[in-house]
Amino acid sequence: MLVYHPAFDIYNCAFRILQIMNLMKQDEIEVDRLRIWDFYLTFPNEARKITFPNDLAELKKVFKSKSENPYEDLMDPKRIIERMEPYQTSALRCLVSYGLIDGSSLSKSVVKRTEKDIPAELAVKLSDLSKEKLNIIKLILGFRELPLYGKVGLKFRTGLIDFKYDAK
């Protein structure tokens, strides 16, 4: 049986990465941070499982409601993000080949947009967001200043990527 899911589609992942980079307007983003954000853009229902900091209590209310569709709940989100990793890596390399992301920064586990313009037709599609995706973008913007590492960091709060052995 052949089953399609956007989480395991390189071009869909490249599109999501460009959406995040376009809306963040940051010069550089760590690869692990971008992978986590991509996961939540793909599975917005999982955002309710994040441990929110106190200053984002208002944002927490948006994601607290239980899913109306039990089939949207993931049994093992950590395993899913691990399965997504090769697709995310390939999507990043694809964007490097198109000249939209800097390859030397990517080799240092940092994603940095180049000066190359995104084609106009694609830019229009990047800005077209559903209500669910808009809420995830608000979440991403709220967590933008949160450190990636440590007991208060994004990795710990989401529980998606191990942080115990990080150098920082």
N, C-alpha and C. Protein backbone atom coordinates (compact mmCIF):
# COMPACT_ATOMS: atom_id res chain seq x y z
N MET A 1 0.84 -1.17 0.00
CA MET A 1 0.00 0.00 0.00
C MET A 1 0.89 1.24 0.00
N LEU A 2 0.59 2.15 -0.85
CA LEU A 2 1.35 3.38 -0.98
C LEU A 2 0.58 4.50 -0.29
N VAL A 3 1.22 5.16 0.67
CA VAL A 3 0.57 6.23 1.42
C VAL A 3 1.45 7.47 1.33
N TYR A 4 0.84 8.59 1.01
CA TYR A 4 1.58 9.86 0.91
C TYR A 4 1.33 10.69 2.16
N HIS A 5 2.40 11.29 2.65
CA HIS A 5 2.27 12.27 3.71
C HIS A 5 3.28 13.38 3.44
N PRO A 6 2.89 14.65 3.58
CA PRO A 6 3.81 15.77 3.29
C PRO A 6 5.07 15.76 4.16
N ALA A 7 5.04 15.10 5.30
CA ALA A 7 6.21 15.05 6.18
C ALA A 7 7.37 14.33 5.50
N PHE A 8 7.06 13.44 4.58
CA PHE A 8 8.08 12.63 3.93
C PHE A 8 8.18 12.94 2.44
N ASP A 9 8.04 14.20 2.12
CA ASP A 9 8.13 14.70 0.75
C ASP A 9 9.19 15.81 0.75
N ILE A 10 10.26 15.60 0.03
CA ILE A 10 11.38 16.55 0.03
C ILE A 10 10.95 17.93 -0.43
N TYR A 11 10.17 18.00 -1.50
CA TYR A 11 9.79 19.30 -2.04
C TYR A 11 8.78 20.03 -1.15
N ASN A 12 7.90 19.28 -0.51
CA ASN A 12 6.99 19.88 0.45
C ASN A 12 7.78 20.41 1.63
N CYS A 13 8.78 19.66 2.06
CA CYS A 13 9.63 20.09 3.16
C CYS A 13 10.41 21.35 2.78
N ALA A 14 10.94 21.39 1.57
CA ALA A 14 11.66 22.59 1.10
C ALA A 14 10.73 23.80 1.10
N PHE A 15 9.49 23.59 0.70
CA PHE A 15 8.50 24.67 0.71
C PHE A 15 8.26 25.15 2.14
N ARG A 16 8.08 24.22 3.09
CA ARG A 16 7.85 24.59 4.48
C ARG A 16 9.05 25.34 5.05
N ILE A 17 10.24 24.89 4.73
CA ILE A 17 11.45 25.56 5.21
C ILE A 17 11.51 26.99 4.67
N LEU A 18 11.20 27.16 3.40
CA LEU A 18 11.17 28.51 2.83
C LEU A 18 10.09 29.36 3.48
N GLN A 19 8.94 28.75 3.80
CA GLN A 19 7.89 29.49 4.50
C GLN A 19 8.40 30.00 5.85
N ILE A 20 9.04 29.12 6.59
CA ILE A 20 9.57 29.50 7.90
C ILE A 20 10.61 30.59 7.76
N MET A 21 11.55 30.39 6.86
CA MET A 21 12.62 31.38 6.67
C MET A 21 12.05 32.72 6.21
N ASN A 22 11.06 32.69 5.35
CA ASN A 22 10.44 33.89 4.82
C ASN A 22 9.73 34.68 5.91
N LEU A 23 9.02 33.98 6.79
CA LEU A 23 8.26 34.64 7.84
C LEU A 23 9.10 35.04 9.04
N MET A 24 10.18 34.32 9.28
CA MET A 24 11.03 34.61 10.44
C MET A 24 11.85 35.88 10.26
N LYS A 25 12.28 36.11 9.06
CA LYS A 25 13.11 37.27 8.75
C LYS A 25 14.36 37.32 9.64
N GLN A 26 14.92 36.13 9.93
CA GLN A 26 16.17 36.03 10.68
C GLN A 26 17.29 35.73 9.70
N ASP A 27 18.49 36.18 10.05
CA ASP A 27 19.64 35.92 9.19
C ASP A 27 20.03 34.45 9.22
N GLU A 28 20.05 33.88 10.43
CA GLU A 28 20.49 32.50 10.59
C GLU A 28 19.59 31.75 11.57
N ILE A 29 19.39 30.47 11.31
CA ILE A 29 18.62 29.60 12.20
C ILE A 29 19.38 28.28 12.31
N GLU A 30 19.49 27.76 13.53
CA GLU A 30 20.14 26.47 13.73
C GLU A 30 19.31 25.39 13.05
N VAL A 31 19.98 24.38 12.50
CA VAL A 31 19.30 23.30 11.79
C VAL A 31 18.29 22.59 12.70
N ASP A 32 18.70 22.27 13.94
CA ASP A 32 17.77 21.57 14.85
C ASP A 32 16.54 22.41 15.17
N ARG A 33 16.72 23.70 15.34
CA ARG A 33 15.58 24.60 15.60
C ARG A 33 14.63 24.58 14.39
N LEU A 34 15.19 24.67 13.21
CA LEU A 34 14.39 24.65 11.98
C LEU A 34 13.68 23.31 11.82
N ARG A 35 14.33 22.22 12.17
CA ARG A 35 13.70 20.90 12.09
C ARG A 35 12.50 20.81 13.03
N ILE A 36 12.64 21.34 14.24
CA ILE A 36 11.54 21.32 15.20
C ILE A 36 10.38 22.17 14.69
N TRP A 37 10.69 23.36 14.18
CA TRP A 37 9.63 24.23 13.66
C TRP A 37 8.94 23.59 12.46
N ASP A 38 9.71 22.93 11.61
CA ASP A 38 9.13 22.23 10.47
C ASP A 38 8.19 21.12 10.93
N PHE A 39 8.58 20.41 11.98
CA PHE A 39 7.73 19.36 12.54
C PHE A 39 6.37 19.94 12.95
N TYR A 40 6.39 21.06 13.65
CA TYR A 40 5.13 21.65 14.12
C TYR A 40 4.32 22.28 12.99
N LEU A 41 4.98 22.72 11.95
CA LEU A 41 4.25 23.22 10.78
C LEU A 41 3.57 22.05 10.06
N THR A 42 4.18 20.88 10.11
CA THR A 42 3.62 19.68 9.49
C THR A 42 2.53 19.05 10.36
N PHE A 43 2.76 19.04 11.67
CA PHE A 43 1.82 18.44 12.62
C PHE A 43 1.41 19.48 13.66
N PRO A 44 0.59 20.46 13.28
CA PRO A 44 0.23 21.55 14.20
C PRO A 44 -0.47 21.08 15.47
N ASN A 45 -1.16 19.96 15.41
CA ASN A 45 -1.87 19.43 16.56
C ASN A 45 -0.92 19.06 17.70
N GLU A 46 0.32 18.75 17.38
CA GLU A 46 1.30 18.34 18.38
C GLU A 46 1.79 19.51 19.24
N ALA A 47 1.50 20.73 18.83
CA ALA A 47 1.98 21.91 19.57
C ALA A 47 1.39 21.98 20.97
N ARG A 48 0.26 21.35 21.18
CA ARG A 48 -0.36 21.40 22.52
C ARG A 48 0.45 20.63 23.56
N LYS A 49 1.39 19.79 23.11
CA LYS A 49 2.20 18.98 24.02
C LYS A 49 3.48 19.69 24.47
N ILE A 50 3.73 20.88 23.96
CA ILE A 50 4.93 21.64 24.31
C ILE A 50 4.78 22.20 25.72
N THR A 51 5.88 22.24 26.46
CA THR A 51 5.91 22.91 27.75
C THR A 51 6.20 24.38 27.47
N PHE A 52 5.18 25.22 27.63
CA PHE A 52 5.31 26.64 27.31
C PHE A 52 5.94 27.40 28.47
N PRO A 53 6.79 28.41 28.18
CA PRO A 53 7.27 29.29 29.24
C PRO A 53 6.13 30.18 29.74
N ASN A 54 6.26 30.69 30.95
CA ASN A 54 5.20 31.51 31.57
C ASN A 54 4.84 32.74 30.75
N ASP A 55 5.82 33.35 30.09
CA ASP A 55 5.53 34.57 29.34
C ASP A 55 4.75 34.31 28.05
N LEU A 56 4.55 33.04 27.70
CA LEU A 56 3.76 32.71 26.51
C LEU A 56 2.45 32.02 26.87
N ALA A 57 1.93 32.35 28.05
CA ALA A 57 0.69 31.72 28.53
C ALA A 57 -0.49 31.97 27.59
N GLU A 58 -0.57 33.15 27.00
CA GLU A 58 -1.66 33.46 26.07
C GLU A 58 -1.61 32.56 24.84
N LEU A 59 -0.41 32.34 24.34
CA LEU A 59 -0.23 31.50 23.16
C LEU A 59 -0.56 30.05 23.49
N LYS A 60 -0.29 29.65 24.71
CA LYS A 60 -0.57 28.28 25.14
C LYS A 60 -2.05 27.95 25.01
N LYS A 61 -2.92 28.93 25.28
CA LYS A 61 -4.36 28.72 25.21
C LYS A 61 -4.83 28.34 23.81
N VAL A 62 -4.16 28.84 22.80
CA VAL A 62 -4.53 28.54 21.42
C VAL A 62 -4.36 27.04 21.13
N PHE A 63 -3.34 26.43 21.74
CA PHE A 63 -3.02 25.04 21.43
C PHE A 63 -3.50 24.04 22.47
N LYS A 64 -4.17 24.49 23.52
CA LYS A 64 -4.56 23.59 24.60
C LYS A 64 -5.71 22.66 24.26
N SER A 65 -6.56 23.02 23.33
CA SER A 65 -7.74 22.20 23.06
C SER A 65 -7.37 20.83 22.51
N LYS A 66 -8.15 19.85 22.90
CA LYS A 66 -7.94 18.47 22.45
C LYS A 66 -8.33 18.35 20.98
N SER A 67 -7.64 17.53 20.27
CA SER A 67 -7.91 17.31 18.85
C SER A 67 -9.31 16.72 18.65
N GLU A 68 -10.00 17.22 17.65
CA GLU A 68 -11.31 16.68 17.31
C GLU A 68 -11.18 15.38 16.53
N ASN A 69 -10.02 15.18 15.93
CA ASN A 69 -9.78 13.99 15.13
C ASN A 69 -8.71 13.14 15.80
N PRO A 70 -9.08 12.00 16.38
CA PRO A 70 -8.09 11.18 17.08
C PRO A 70 -7.00 10.63 16.16
N TYR A 71 -7.25 10.61 14.85
CA TYR A 71 -6.25 10.11 13.91
C TYR A 71 -5.13 11.11 13.68
N GLU A 72 -5.29 12.34 14.15
CA GLU A 72 -4.24 13.35 14.02
C GLU A 72 -3.20 13.24 15.13
N ASP A 73 -3.52 12.52 16.21
CA ASP A 73 -2.57 12.36 17.30
C ASP A 73 -1.47 11.37 16.90
N LEU A 74 -0.23 11.74 17.15
CA LEU A 74 0.89 10.86 16.84
C LEU A 74 1.21 9.99 18.05
N MET A 75 1.48 8.74 17.80
CA MET A 75 1.83 7.82 18.88
C MET A 75 3.23 8.12 19.43
N ASP A 76 4.17 8.42 18.52
CA ASP A 76 5.55 8.64 18.93
C ASP A 76 6.15 9.80 18.11
N PRO A 77 5.91 11.04 18.54
CA PRO A 77 6.41 12.20 17.79
C PRO A 77 7.92 12.22 17.63
N LYS A 78 8.64 11.73 18.64
CA LYS A 78 10.10 11.72 18.58
C LYS A 78 10.58 10.81 17.43
N ARG A 79 9.90 9.70 17.25
CA ARG A 79 10.26 8.79 16.16
C ARG A 79 9.92 9.41 14.80
N ILE A 80 8.82 10.13 14.74
CA ILE A 80 8.42 10.77 13.48
C ILE A 80 9.44 11.82 13.07
N ILE A 81 9.89 12.64 14.02
CA ILE A 81 10.88 13.68 13.65
C ILE A 81 12.21 13.03 13.24
N GLU A 82 12.52 11.89 13.83
CA GLU A 82 13.73 11.15 13.40
C GLU A 82 13.56 10.64 11.97
N ARG A 83 12.35 10.17 11.64
CA ARG A 83 12.08 9.69 10.28
C ARG A 83 12.06 10.85 9.28
N MET A 84 11.70 12.05 9.76
CA MET A 84 11.66 13.23 8.89
C MET A 84 13.05 13.76 8.58
N GLU A 85 14.02 13.47 9.43
CA GLU A 85 15.34 14.08 9.32
C GLU A 85 16.02 13.90 7.96
N PRO A 86 16.04 12.71 7.35
CA PRO A 86 16.68 12.62 6.03
C PRO A 86 15.97 13.45 4.96
N TYR A 87 14.66 13.59 5.08
CA TYR A 87 13.91 14.40 4.12
C TYR A 87 14.22 15.88 4.34
N GLN A 88 14.31 16.28 5.61
CA GLN A 88 14.66 17.67 5.92
C GLN A 88 16.07 17.99 5.44
N THR A 89 17.00 17.07 5.65
CA THR A 89 18.38 17.27 5.20
C THR A 89 18.43 17.38 3.68
N SER A 90 17.72 16.49 3.00
CA SER A 90 17.69 16.54 1.53
C SER A 90 17.04 17.83 1.03
N ALA A 91 15.99 18.28 1.72
CA ALA A 91 15.33 19.53 1.33
C ALA A 91 16.29 20.71 1.48
N LEU A 92 17.05 20.72 2.57
CA LEU A 92 18.03 21.80 2.77
C LEU A 92 19.10 21.76 1.69
N ARG A 93 19.58 20.58 1.34
CA ARG A 93 20.57 20.46 0.27
C ARG A 93 19.99 20.88 -1.08
N CYS A 94 18.72 20.57 -1.28
CA CYS A 94 18.03 20.99 -2.50
C CYS A 94 18.00 22.52 -2.58
N LEU A 95 17.68 23.17 -1.46
CA LEU A 95 17.64 24.63 -1.43
C LEU A 95 19.03 25.23 -1.62
N VAL A 96 20.07 24.53 -1.15
CA VAL A 96 21.44 24.97 -1.41
C VAL A 96 21.71 24.90 -2.91
N SER A 97 21.29 23.82 -3.55
CA SER A 97 21.53 23.65 -4.99
C SER A 97 20.81 24.72 -5.81
N TYR A 98 19.67 25.19 -5.31
CA TYR A 98 18.94 26.27 -5.99
C TYR A 98 19.53 27.65 -5.68
N GLY A 99 20.48 27.70 -4.75
CA GLY A 99 21.11 28.96 -4.39
C GLY A 99 20.30 29.78 -3.41
N LEU A 100 19.31 29.19 -2.75
CA LEU A 100 18.47 29.93 -1.81
C LEU A 100 19.00 29.87 -0.38
N ILE A 101 19.85 28.89 -0.09
CA ILE A 101 20.46 28.74 1.23
C ILE A 101 21.97 28.60 1.05
N ASP A 102 22.72 29.18 1.97
CA ASP A 102 24.18 29.16 1.91
C ASP A 102 24.72 27.79 2.32
N GLY A 103 25.48 27.16 1.45
CA GLY A 103 26.02 25.83 1.69
C GLY A 103 27.08 25.77 2.76
N SER A 104 27.94 26.79 2.85
CA SER A 104 29.00 26.76 3.87
C SER A 104 28.41 26.92 5.27
N SER A 105 27.36 27.68 5.42
CA SER A 105 26.69 27.80 6.71
C SER A 105 26.00 26.50 7.08
N LEU A 106 25.41 25.84 6.09
CA LEU A 106 24.72 24.59 6.35
C LEU A 106 25.70 23.52 6.85
N SER A 107 26.93 23.54 6.36
CA SER A 107 27.93 22.58 6.84
C SER A 107 28.29 22.81 8.30
N LYS A 108 27.94 23.99 8.83
CA LYS A 108 28.15 24.31 10.24
C LYS A 108 26.85 24.18 11.03
N SER A 109 25.87 23.50 10.47
CA SER A 109 24.55 23.27 11.09
C SER A 109 23.77 24.56 11.33
N VAL A 110 23.94 25.50 10.43
CA VAL A 110 23.21 26.76 10.48
C VAL A 110 22.59 27.00 9.10
N VAL A 111 21.33 27.39 9.08
CA VAL A 111 20.65 27.67 7.82
C VAL A 111 20.63 29.19 7.64
N LYS A 112 21.17 29.62 6.51
CA LYS A 112 21.26 31.05 6.23
C LYS A 112 20.77 31.29 4.80
N ARG A 113 19.79 32.20 4.67
CA ARG A 113 19.27 32.55 3.35
C ARG A 113 20.32 33.34 2.58
N THR A 114 20.36 33.12 1.28
CA THR A 114 21.24 33.89 0.42
C THR A 114 20.49 35.13 -0.08
N GLU A 115 21.16 35.91 -0.86
CA GLU A 115 20.55 37.12 -1.42
C GLU A 115 19.65 36.82 -2.62
N LYS A 116 19.70 35.60 -3.11
CA LYS A 116 18.90 35.24 -4.29
C LYS A 116 17.41 35.38 -3.99
N ASP A 117 16.71 36.03 -4.89
CA ASP A 117 15.27 36.25 -4.72
C ASP A 117 14.49 34.96 -4.99
N ILE A 118 13.43 34.81 -4.23
CA ILE A 118 12.51 33.70 -4.45
C ILE A 118 11.62 34.09 -5.62
N PRO A 119 11.39 33.18 -6.58
CA PRO A 119 10.52 33.52 -7.72
C PRO A 119 9.16 34.06 -7.24
N ALA A 120 8.63 35.04 -7.96
CA ALA A 120 7.41 35.75 -7.55
C ALA A 120 6.22 34.81 -7.33
N GLU A 121 6.05 33.84 -8.22
CA GLU A 121 4.92 32.91 -8.10
C GLU A 121 5.04 32.07 -6.82
N LEU A 122 6.25 31.67 -6.49
CA LEU A 122 6.49 30.89 -5.27
C LEU A 122 6.31 31.77 -4.03
N ALA A 123 6.76 33.02 -4.10
CA ALA A 123 6.62 33.95 -2.97
C ALA A 123 5.16 34.16 -2.60
N VAL A 124 4.28 34.20 -3.60
CA VAL A 124 2.85 34.35 -3.34
C VAL A 124 2.32 33.13 -2.60
N LYS A 125 2.73 31.95 -3.03
CA LYS A 125 2.28 30.71 -2.39
C LYS A 125 2.84 30.57 -0.97
N LEU A 126 4.03 31.09 -0.74
CA LEU A 126 4.64 31.03 0.59
C LEU A 126 3.85 31.85 1.61
N SER A 127 3.25 32.93 1.15
CA SER A 127 2.52 33.80 2.07
C SER A 127 1.07 33.34 2.30
N ASP A 128 0.62 32.36 1.56
CA ASP A 128 -0.74 31.83 1.71
C ASP A 128 -0.75 30.80 2.83
N LEU A 129 -1.27 31.19 4.00
CA LEU A 129 -1.26 30.32 5.17
C LEU A 129 -2.66 30.07 5.69
N SER A 130 -2.91 28.83 6.10
CA SER A 130 -4.19 28.51 6.74
C SER A 130 -4.18 29.04 8.18
N LYS A 131 -5.34 29.01 8.83
CA LYS A 131 -5.44 29.48 10.22
C LYS A 131 -4.54 28.66 11.13
N GLU A 132 -4.51 27.35 10.89
CA GLU A 132 -3.67 26.45 11.68
C GLU A 132 -2.19 26.81 11.55
N LYS A 133 -1.78 27.04 10.30
CA LYS A 133 -0.37 27.39 10.06
C LYS A 133 -0.04 28.77 10.62
N LEU A 134 -0.99 29.69 10.57
CA LEU A 134 -0.76 31.01 11.16
C LEU A 134 -0.53 30.90 12.66
N ASN A 135 -1.29 30.02 13.33
CA ASN A 135 -1.08 29.80 14.77
C ASN A 135 0.30 29.22 15.05
N ILE A 136 0.74 28.31 14.20
CA ILE A 136 2.08 27.72 14.37
C ILE A 136 3.15 28.79 14.14
N ILE A 137 2.94 29.66 13.18
CA ILE A 137 3.90 30.75 12.94
C ILE A 137 3.95 31.66 14.17
N LYS A 138 2.80 31.95 14.80
CA LYS A 138 2.79 32.73 16.04
C LYS A 138 3.60 32.02 17.11
N LEU A 139 3.45 30.72 17.19
CA LEU A 139 4.20 29.92 18.14
C LEU A 139 5.70 30.03 17.87
N ILE A 140 6.06 29.88 16.62
CA ILE A 140 7.47 29.97 16.22
C ILE A 140 8.03 31.35 16.58
N LEU A 141 7.27 32.39 16.28
CA LEU A 141 7.72 33.74 16.60
C LEU A 141 7.87 33.93 18.11
N GLY A 142 6.95 33.33 18.89
CA GLY A 142 7.04 33.41 20.34
C GLY A 142 8.24 32.67 20.89
N PHE A 143 8.60 31.56 20.26
CA PHE A 143 9.73 30.75 20.72
C PHE A 143 11.05 31.14 20.06
N ARG A 144 11.03 32.18 19.26
CA ARG A 144 12.22 32.58 18.51
C ARG A 144 13.40 32.91 19.41
N GLU A 145 13.15 33.57 20.53
CA GLU A 145 14.22 33.98 21.43
C GLU A 145 14.61 32.91 22.44
N LEU A 146 13.86 31.83 22.50
CA LEU A 146 14.12 30.74 23.43
C LEU A 146 15.42 30.03 23.03
N PRO A 147 16.31 29.76 23.99
CA PRO A 147 17.54 29.05 23.61
C PRO A 147 17.19 27.65 23.09
N LEU A 148 18.07 27.10 22.29
CA LEU A 148 17.85 25.78 21.73
C LEU A 148 18.25 24.69 22.73
N TYR A 149 19.29 24.96 23.52
CA TYR A 149 19.87 23.95 24.40
C TYR A 149 19.49 24.17 25.86
N GLY A 150 19.73 23.16 26.68
CA GLY A 150 19.56 23.28 28.13
C GLY A 150 18.16 22.97 28.61
N LYS A 151 17.98 23.05 29.93
CA LYS A 151 16.71 22.69 30.58
C LYS A 151 15.58 23.68 30.30
N VAL A 152 15.90 24.85 29.80
CA VAL A 152 14.85 25.82 29.45
C VAL A 152 14.74 25.99 27.94
N GLY A 153 15.52 25.21 27.20
CA GLY A 153 15.60 25.36 25.75
C GLY A 153 14.49 24.68 24.98
N LEU A 154 14.46 24.95 23.70
CA LEU A 154 13.43 24.43 22.80
C LEU A 154 13.46 22.91 22.71
N LYS A 155 14.64 22.33 22.67
CA LYS A 155 14.74 20.87 22.59
C LYS A 155 14.10 20.22 23.81
N PHE A 156 14.36 20.76 25.00
CA PHE A 156 13.80 20.21 26.22
C PHE A 156 12.28 20.41 26.26
N ARG A 157 11.82 21.60 25.92
CA ARG A 157 10.39 21.93 26.01
C ARG A 157 9.54 21.12 25.04
N THR A 158 10.11 20.77 23.90
CA THR A 158 9.33 19.99 22.93
C THR A 158 9.51 18.49 23.13
N GLY A 159 10.67 18.08 23.63
CA GLY A 159 10.95 16.66 23.83
C GLY A 159 11.15 15.89 22.53
N LEU A 160 11.35 16.60 21.43
CA LEU A 160 11.47 15.94 20.12
C LEU A 160 12.89 15.49 19.81
N ILE A 161 13.87 16.31 20.17
CA ILE A 161 15.27 16.02 19.86
C ILE A 161 16.04 15.98 21.16
N ASP A 162 16.89 14.95 21.32
CA ASP A 162 17.68 14.81 22.52
C ASP A 162 18.62 16.01 22.69
N PHE A 163 18.77 16.46 23.93
CA PHE A 163 19.63 17.61 24.19
C PHE A 163 20.73 17.31 25.20
N LYS A 164 20.66 16.14 25.84
CA LYS A 164 21.58 15.81 26.93
C LYS A 164 23.04 15.90 26.55
N TYR A 165 23.37 15.54 25.33
CA TYR A 165 24.77 15.45 24.92
C TYR A 165 25.21 16.60 24.05
N ASP A 166 24.42 17.66 24.01
CA ASP A 166 24.79 18.84 23.22
C ASP A 166 26.01 19.50 23.86
N ALA A 167 26.87 20.07 23.02
CA ALA A 167 28.09 20.71 23.49
C ALA A 167 27.81 21.99 24.27
N LYS A 168 26.70 22.64 24.00
CA LYS A 168 26.42 23.92 24.62
C LYS A 168 25.68 23.78 25.92
